[in-house]
Structures are given as C-alpha cells and as structure tokens.
C-alpha cells in the first residue's frame, strides 16, 4: 500500500488491514522517488493515495471502507 503521512484515507486503510489481521506493507511516498514514480504511473500522472496493490495484480485507489470490505470478501 502506497501512502503519505498526512493522508487520512491511508490511515483508515491501514487500520482496516490491522483490525482484520490482513498482512500488508506500507510504502511511504515521502522521500521515496521510486514510490512516487510508480504511484504516478499507475494513476495516470496523479499522486493518488492510498494506492493499494493486491497479490492478484488488481489495484484500488483512494478506496473507502465499503470498497475494501468488498475486495476482501472476494479474495
């Protein structure tokens, strides 16, 4: 999951993973040019977070709790 320190949506997504015991790796964009480049590439030039990459290759961007719940009900 690509995040920034100041993003409340990123904080909520991390809490969702933690509460549901879902392993995840948080990659901060601050000071990480490679992460910024990746996020901008997959989001058509936008620095949108959280950008969540799933093991199946699917991506959720700026997702809300309902979208996360739906995604994990299908995994």
PDB file of N, CA and C in Angstrom:
ATOM      1  N   UNK A   1       0.841  -1.159   0.000  1.00  0.00           N
ATOM      2  CA  UNK A   1       0.000   0.000   0.000  1.00  0.00           C
ATOM      3  C   UNK A   1       0.890   1.228   0.000  1.00  0.00           C
ATOM      4  N   UNK A   2       0.707   2.085  -0.985  1.00  0.00           N
ATOM      5  CA  UNK A   2       1.459   3.327  -1.087  1.00  0.00           C
ATOM      6  C   UNK A   2       0.673   4.413  -0.367  1.00  0.00           C
ATOM      7  N   UNK A   3       1.353   5.132   0.530  1.00  0.00           N
ATOM      8  CA  UNK A   3       0.689   6.089   1.406  1.00  0.00           C
ATOM      9  C   UNK A   3       1.509   7.366   1.555  1.00  0.00           C
ATOM     10  N   UNK A   4       0.884   8.336   2.208  1.00  0.00           N
ATOM     11  CA  UNK A   4       1.611   9.500   2.700  1.00  0.00           C
ATOM     12  C   UNK A   4       1.291   9.633   4.184  1.00  0.00           C
ATOM     13  N   UNK A   5       2.130  10.351   4.884  1.00  0.00           N
ATOM     14  CA  UNK A   5       1.944  10.520   6.322  1.00  0.00           C
ATOM     15  C   UNK A   5       0.715  11.356   6.655  1.00  0.00           C
ATOM     16  N   UNK A   6       0.329  12.247   5.766  1.00  0.00           N
ATOM     17  CA  UNK A   6      -0.744  13.204   6.042  1.00  0.00           C
ATOM     18  C   UNK A   6      -2.114  12.780   5.519  1.00  0.00           C
ATOM     19  N   UNK A   7      -2.234  11.602   4.984  1.00  0.00           N
ATOM     20  CA  UNK A   7      -3.465  11.166   4.320  1.00  0.00           C
ATOM     21  C   UNK A   7      -4.380  10.406   5.283  1.00  0.00           C
ATOM     22  N   UNK A   8      -5.556  10.967   5.597  1.00  0.00           N
ATOM     23  CA  UNK A   8      -6.475  10.257   6.495  1.00  0.00           C
ATOM     24  C   UNK A   8      -7.033   8.970   5.881  1.00  0.00           C
ATOM     25  N   UNK A   9      -7.195   8.932   4.563  1.00  0.00           N
ATOM     26  CA  UNK A   9      -7.662   7.704   3.909  1.00  0.00           C
ATOM     27  C   UNK A   9      -6.631   6.587   4.057  1.00  0.00           C
ATOM     28  N   UNK A  10      -5.358   6.946   4.018  1.00  0.00           N
ATOM     29  CA  UNK A  10      -4.288   5.959   4.199  1.00  0.00           C
ATOM     30  C   UNK A  10      -4.329   5.392   5.616  1.00  0.00           C
ATOM     31  N   UNK A  11      -4.537   6.265   6.580  1.00  0.00           N
ATOM     32  CA  UNK A  11      -4.625   5.832   7.975  1.00  0.00           C
ATOM     33  C   UNK A  11      -5.794   4.881   8.161  1.00  0.00           C
ATOM     34  N   UNK A  12      -6.941   5.216   7.585  1.00  0.00           N
ATOM     35  CA  UNK A  12      -8.120   4.345   7.692  1.00  0.00           C
ATOM     36  C   UNK A  12      -7.876   2.996   7.032  1.00  0.00           C
ATOM     37  N   UNK A  13      -7.244   2.986   5.864  1.00  0.00           N
ATOM     38  CA  UNK A  13      -6.960   1.722   5.173  1.00  0.00           C
ATOM     39  C   UNK A  13      -6.014   0.860   6.006  1.00  0.00           C
ATOM     40  N   UNK A  14      -4.983   1.477   6.587  1.00  0.00           N
ATOM     41  CA  UNK A  14      -4.059   0.723   7.443  1.00  0.00           C
ATOM     42  C   UNK A  14      -4.788   0.126   8.638  1.00  0.00           C
ATOM     43  N   UNK A  15      -5.653   0.898   9.257  1.00  0.00           N
ATOM     44  CA  UNK A  15      -6.429   0.397  10.396  1.00  0.00           C
ATOM     45  C   UNK A  15      -7.315  -0.764   9.973  1.00  0.00           C
ATOM     46  N   UNK A  16      -7.909  -0.678   8.773  1.00  0.00           N
ATOM     47  CA  UNK A  16      -8.735  -1.768   8.258  1.00  0.00           C
ATOM     48  C   UNK A  16      -7.905  -3.048   8.174  1.00  0.00           C
ATOM     49  N   UNK A  17      -6.710  -2.955   7.603  1.00  0.00           N
ATOM     50  CA  UNK A  17      -5.836  -4.121   7.486  1.00  0.00           C
ATOM     51  C   UNK A  17      -5.480  -4.676   8.858  1.00  0.00           C
ATOM     52  N   UNK A  18      -5.127  -3.798   9.774  1.00  0.00           N
ATOM     53  CA  UNK A  18      -4.726  -4.238  11.111  1.00  0.00           C
ATOM     54  C   UNK A  18      -5.881  -4.897  11.861  1.00  0.00           C
ATOM     55  N   UNK A  19      -7.053  -4.276  11.857  1.00  0.00           N
ATOM     56  CA  UNK A  19      -8.222  -4.815  12.556  1.00  0.00           C
ATOM     57  C   UNK A  19      -8.606  -6.190  12.015  1.00  0.00           C
ATOM     58  N   UNK A  20      -8.442  -6.372  10.715  1.00  0.00           N
ATOM     59  CA  UNK A  20      -8.831  -7.625  10.072  1.00  0.00           C
ATOM     60  C   UNK A  20      -7.671  -8.600   9.915  1.00  0.00           C
ATOM     61  N   UNK A  21      -6.549  -8.308  10.573  1.00  0.00           N
ATOM     62  CA  UNK A  21      -5.368  -9.181  10.527  1.00  0.00           C
ATOM     63  C   UNK A  21      -4.940  -9.520   9.099  1.00  0.00           C
ATOM     64  N   UNK A  22      -4.936  -8.503   8.256  1.00  0.00           N
ATOM     65  CA  UNK A  22      -4.525  -8.680   6.863  1.00  0.00           C
ATOM     66  C   UNK A  22      -3.089  -8.174   6.732  1.00  0.00           C
ATOM     67  N   UNK A  23      -2.165  -9.054   6.373  1.00  0.00           N
ATOM     68  CA  UNK A  23      -0.777  -8.618   6.213  1.00  0.00           C
ATOM     69  C   UNK A  23      -0.681  -7.570   5.111  1.00  0.00           C
ATOM     70  N   UNK A  24       0.117  -6.554   5.351  1.00  0.00           N
ATOM     71  CA  UNK A  24       0.302  -5.507   4.348  1.00  0.00           C
ATOM     72  C   UNK A  24       1.649  -4.824   4.563  1.00  0.00           C
ATOM     73  N   UNK A  25       2.115  -4.209   3.528  1.00  0.00           N
ATOM     74  CA  UNK A  25       3.353  -3.449   3.561  1.00  0.00           C
ATOM     75  C   UNK A  25       3.008  -2.015   3.213  1.00  0.00           C
ATOM     76  N   UNK A  26       3.380  -1.102   4.089  1.00  0.00           N
ATOM     77  CA  UNK A  26       3.111   0.313   3.865  1.00  0.00           C
ATOM     78  C   UNK A  26       4.363   0.953   3.273  1.00  0.00           C
ATOM     79  N   UNK A  27       4.219   1.574   2.096  1.00  0.00           N
ATOM     80  CA  UNK A  27       5.326   2.241   1.424  1.00  0.00           C
ATOM     81  C   UNK A  27       5.005   3.730   1.385  1.00  0.00           C
ATOM     82  N   UNK A  28       5.766   4.509   2.132  1.00  0.00           N
ATOM     83  CA  UNK A  28       5.545   5.948   2.179  1.00  0.00           C
ATOM     84  C   UNK A  28       6.145   6.648   0.973  1.00  0.00           C
ATOM     85  N   UNK A  29       5.445   7.650   0.480  1.00  0.00           N
ATOM     86  CA  UNK A  29       5.952   8.401  -0.662  1.00  0.00           C
ATOM     87  C   UNK A  29       6.997   9.444  -0.258  1.00  0.00           C
ATOM     88  N   UNK A  30       6.948   9.883   1.001  1.00  0.00           N
ATOM     89  CA  UNK A  30       7.870  10.912   1.444  1.00  0.00           C
ATOM     90  C   UNK A  30       9.322  10.467   1.276  1.00  0.00           C
ATOM     91  N   UNK A  31      10.061  11.218   0.468  1.00  0.00           N
ATOM     92  CA  UNK A  31      11.476  10.924   0.252  1.00  0.00           C
ATOM     93  C   UNK A  31      11.745   9.672  -0.558  1.00  0.00           C
ATOM     94  N   UNK A  32      10.751   9.140  -1.246  1.00  0.00           N
ATOM     95  CA  UNK A  32      10.899   7.887  -1.985  1.00  0.00           C
ATOM     96  C   UNK A  32      10.518   8.118  -3.450  1.00  0.00           C
ATOM     97  N   UNK A  33      11.490   8.566  -4.239  1.00  0.00           N
ATOM     98  CA  UNK A  33      11.241   8.908  -5.641  1.00  0.00           C
ATOM     99  C   UNK A  33      10.706   7.718  -6.441  1.00  0.00           C
ATOM    100  N   UNK A  34      11.200   6.529  -6.147  1.00  0.00           N
ATOM    101  CA  UNK A  34      10.746   5.330  -6.864  1.00  0.00           C
ATOM    102  C   UNK A  34       9.263   5.059  -6.593  1.00  0.00           C
ATOM    103  N   UNK A  35       8.849   5.215  -5.349  1.00  0.00           N
ATOM    104  CA  UNK A  35       7.446   5.004  -4.995  1.00  0.00           C
ATOM    105  C   UNK A  35       6.556   6.065  -5.647  1.00  0.00           C
ATOM    106  N   UNK A  36       7.004   7.310  -5.632  1.00  0.00           N
ATOM    107  CA  UNK A  36       6.234   8.390  -6.268  1.00  0.00           C
ATOM    108  C   UNK A  36       6.069   8.111  -7.751  1.00  0.00           C
ATOM    109  N   UNK A  37       7.140   7.718  -8.406  1.00  0.00           N
ATOM    110  CA  UNK A  37       7.091   7.410  -9.843  1.00  0.00           C
ATOM    111  C   UNK A  37       6.094   6.278 -10.117  1.00  0.00           C
ATOM    112  N   UNK A  38       6.136   5.230  -9.308  1.00  0.00           N
ATOM    113  CA  UNK A  38       5.213   4.106  -9.505  1.00  0.00           C
ATOM    114  C   UNK A  38       3.765   4.548  -9.341  1.00  0.00           C
ATOM    115  N   UNK A  39       3.479   5.268  -8.260  1.00  0.00           N
ATOM    116  CA  UNK A  39       2.106   5.718  -7.998  1.00  0.00           C
ATOM    117  C   UNK A  39       1.611   6.604  -9.136  1.00  0.00           C
ATOM    118  N   UNK A  40       2.441   7.503  -9.607  1.00  0.00           N
ATOM    119  CA  UNK A  40       2.039   8.388 -10.700  1.00  0.00           C
ATOM    120  C   UNK A  40       1.841   7.616 -12.003  1.00  0.00           C
ATOM    121  N   UNK A  41       2.639   6.590 -12.201  1.00  0.00           N
ATOM    122  CA  UNK A  41       2.494   5.786 -13.425  1.00  0.00           C
ATOM    123  C   UNK A  41       1.176   5.012 -13.420  1.00  0.00           C
ATOM    124  N   UNK A  42       0.848   4.360 -12.317  1.00  0.00           N
ATOM    125  CA  UNK A  42      -0.383   3.556 -12.292  1.00  0.00           C
ATOM    126  C   UNK A  42      -1.634   4.409 -12.158  1.00  0.00           C
ATOM    127  N   UNK A  43      -1.471   5.680 -11.755  1.00  0.00           N
ATOM    128  CA  UNK A  43      -2.620   6.576 -11.597  1.00  0.00           C
ATOM    129  C   UNK A  43      -2.644   7.677 -12.661  1.00  0.00           C
ATOM    130  N   UNK A  44      -2.059   7.383 -13.829  1.00  0.00           N
ATOM    131  CA  UNK A  44      -2.120   8.279 -14.990  1.00  0.00           C
ATOM    132  C   UNK A  44      -1.641   9.687 -14.660  1.00  0.00           C
ATOM    133  N   UNK A  45      -0.511   9.787 -13.959  1.00  0.00           N
ATOM    134  CA  UNK A  45       0.105  11.070 -13.664  1.00  0.00           C
ATOM    135  C   UNK A  45      -0.330  11.699 -12.354  1.00  0.00           C
ATOM    136  N   UNK A  46      -1.228  11.050 -11.634  1.00  0.00           N
ATOM    137  CA  UNK A  46      -1.704  11.597 -10.353  1.00  0.00           C
ATOM    138  C   UNK A  46      -0.999  10.914  -9.191  1.00  0.00           C
ATOM    139  N   UNK A  47      -0.784  11.679  -8.158  1.00  0.00           N
ATOM    140  CA  UNK A  47      -0.134  11.155  -6.945  1.00  0.00           C
ATOM    141  C   UNK A  47      -1.228  10.781  -5.941  1.00  0.00           C
ATOM    142  N   UNK A  48      -2.059   9.831  -6.315  1.00  0.00           N
ATOM    143  CA  UNK A  48      -3.234   9.442  -5.536  1.00  0.00           C
ATOM    144  C   UNK A  48      -2.888   8.354  -4.527  1.00  0.00           C
ATOM    145  N   UNK A  49      -3.301   8.586  -3.275  1.00  0.00           N
ATOM    146  CA  UNK A  49      -3.077   7.607  -2.218  1.00  0.00           C
ATOM    147  C   UNK A  49      -4.330   7.484  -1.368  1.00  0.00           C
ATOM    148  N   UNK A  50      -4.551   6.363  -0.740  1.00  0.00           N
ATOM    149  CA  UNK A  50      -3.703   5.186  -0.847  1.00  0.00           C
ATOM    150  C   UNK A  50      -3.881   4.492  -2.197  1.00  0.00           C
ATOM    151  N   UNK A  51      -2.790   3.988  -2.708  1.00  0.00           N
ATOM    152  CA  UNK A  51      -2.796   3.120  -3.873  1.00  0.00           C
ATOM    153  C   UNK A  51      -2.433   1.741  -3.339  1.00  0.00           C
ATOM    154  N   UNK A  52      -3.389   0.830  -3.421  1.00  0.00           N
ATOM    155  CA  UNK A  52      -3.222  -0.496  -2.832  1.00  0.00           C
ATOM    156  C   UNK A  52      -3.098  -1.520  -3.950  1.00  0.00           C
ATOM    157  N   UNK A  53      -1.986  -2.248  -3.934  1.00  0.00           N
ATOM    158  CA  UNK A  53      -1.719  -3.286  -4.925  1.00  0.00           C
ATOM    159  C   UNK A  53      -1.972  -4.632  -4.260  1.00  0.00           C
ATOM    160  N   UNK A  54      -2.793  -5.462  -4.865  1.00  0.00           N
ATOM    161  CA  UNK A  54      -3.143  -6.763  -4.296  1.00  0.00           C
ATOM    162  C   UNK A  54      -2.329  -7.872  -4.959  1.00  0.00           C
ATOM    163  N   UNK A  55      -2.186  -9.003  -4.278  1.00  0.00           N
ATOM    164  CA  UNK A  55      -1.409 -10.119  -4.837  1.00  0.00           C
ATOM    165  C   UNK A  55      -1.875 -10.555  -6.226  1.00  0.00           C
ATOM    166  N   UNK A  56      -3.158 -10.365  -6.531  1.00  0.00           N
ATOM    167  CA  UNK A  56      -3.652 -10.760  -7.853  1.00  0.00           C
ATOM    168  C   UNK A  56      -3.372  -9.713  -8.925  1.00  0.00           C
ATOM    169  N   UNK A  57      -2.685  -8.613  -8.544  1.00  0.00           N
ATOM    170  CA  UNK A  57      -2.336  -7.561  -9.501  1.00  0.00           C
ATOM    171  C   UNK A  57      -3.371  -6.452  -9.606  1.00  0.00           C
ATOM    172  N   UNK A  58      -4.517  -6.621  -8.970  1.00  0.00           N
ATOM    173  CA  UNK A  58      -5.532  -5.572  -9.015  1.00  0.00           C
ATOM    174  C   UNK A  58      -5.108  -4.411  -8.120  1.00  0.00           C
ATOM    175  N   UNK A  59      -5.690  -3.253  -8.386  1.00  0.00           N
ATOM    176  CA  UNK A  59      -5.324  -2.031  -7.679  1.00  0.00           C
ATOM    177  C   UNK A  59      -6.581  -1.297  -7.242  1.00  0.00           C
ATOM    178  N   UNK A  60      -6.572  -0.814  -6.003  1.00  0.00           N
ATOM    179  CA  UNK A  60      -7.610   0.100  -5.519  1.00  0.00           C
ATOM    180  C   UNK A  60      -6.932   1.421  -5.191  1.00  0.00           C
ATOM    181  N   UNK A  61      -7.562   2.514  -5.604  1.00  0.00           N
ATOM    182  CA  UNK A  61      -7.007   3.840  -5.368  1.00  0.00           C
ATOM    183  C   UNK A  61      -8.039   4.683  -4.640  1.00  0.00           C
ATOM    184  N   UNK A  62      -7.601   5.318  -3.566  1.00  0.00           N
ATOM    185  CA  UNK A  62      -8.470   6.188  -2.768  1.00  0.00           C
ATOM    186  C   UNK A  62      -9.780   5.479  -2.415  1.00  0.00           C
ATOM    187  N   UNK A  63      -9.677   4.228  -2.037  1.00  0.00           N
ATOM    188  CA  UNK A  63     -10.859   3.414  -1.753  1.00  0.00           C
ATOM    189  C   UNK A  63     -11.455   3.757  -0.394  1.00  0.00           C
ATOM    190  N   UNK A  64     -12.754   3.555  -0.283  1.00  0.00           N
ATOM    191  CA  UNK A  64     -13.428   3.746   1.004  1.00  0.00           C
ATOM    192  C   UNK A  64     -13.561   2.387   1.691  1.00  0.00           C
ATOM    193  N   UNK A  65     -14.097   2.388   2.892  1.00  0.00           N
ATOM    194  CA  UNK A  65     -14.204   1.148   3.667  1.00  0.00           C
ATOM    195  C   UNK A  65     -15.085   0.114   2.966  1.00  0.00           C
ATOM    196  N   UNK A  66     -16.152   0.540   2.345  1.00  0.00           N
ATOM    197  CA  UNK A  66     -17.030  -0.410   1.646  1.00  0.00           C
ATOM    198  C   UNK A  66     -16.302  -1.096   0.497  1.00  0.00           C
ATOM    199  N   UNK A  67     -15.482  -0.361  -0.229  1.00  0.00           N
ATOM    200  CA  UNK A  67     -14.710  -0.952  -1.329  1.00  0.00           C
ATOM    201  C   UNK A  67     -13.689  -1.950  -0.797  1.00  0.00           C
ATOM    202  N   UNK A  68     -13.037  -1.610   0.310  1.00  0.00           N
ATOM    203  CA  UNK A  68     -12.073  -2.548   0.904  1.00  0.00           C
ATOM    204  C   UNK A  68     -12.773  -3.816   1.384  1.00  0.00           C
ATOM    205  N   UNK A  69     -13.897  -3.658   2.064  1.00  0.00           N
ATOM    206  CA  UNK A  69     -14.645  -4.828   2.535  1.00  0.00           C
ATOM    207  C   UNK A  69     -15.058  -5.708   1.368  1.00  0.00           C
ATOM    208  N   UNK A  70     -15.535  -5.091   0.298  1.00  0.00           N
ATOM    209  CA  UNK A  70     -15.967  -5.850  -0.880  1.00  0.00           C
ATOM    210  C   UNK A  70     -14.779  -6.581  -1.516  1.00  0.00           C
ATOM    211  N   UNK A  71     -13.641  -5.916  -1.584  1.00  0.00           N
ATOM    212  CA  UNK A  71     -12.459  -6.538  -2.174  1.00  0.00           C
ATOM    213  C   UNK A  71     -12.032  -7.764  -1.390  1.00  0.00           C
ATOM    214  N   UNK A  72     -12.041  -7.662  -0.078  1.00  0.00           N
ATOM    215  CA  UNK A  72     -11.585  -8.774   0.733  1.00  0.00           C
ATOM    216  C   UNK A  72     -12.617  -9.869   0.864  1.00  0.00           C
ATOM    217  N   UNK A  73     -13.858  -9.582   0.597  1.00  0.00           N
ATOM    218  CA  UNK A  73     -14.861 -10.644   0.598  1.00  0.00           C
ATOM    219  C   UNK A  73     -14.719 -11.514  -0.651  1.00  0.00           C
ATOM    220  N   UNK A  74     -14.021 -10.982  -1.665  1.00  0.00           N
ATOM    221  CA  UNK A  74     -13.846 -11.713  -2.930  1.00  0.00           C
ATOM    222  C   UNK A  74     -12.498 -12.395  -3.042  1.00  0.00           C
ATOM    223  N   UNK A  75     -11.603 -12.181  -2.097  1.00  0.00           N
ATOM    224  CA  UNK A  75     -10.277 -12.818  -2.199  1.00  0.00           C
ATOM    225  C   UNK A  75     -10.294 -14.243  -1.729  1.00  0.00           C
TER     226      UNK A  75
END
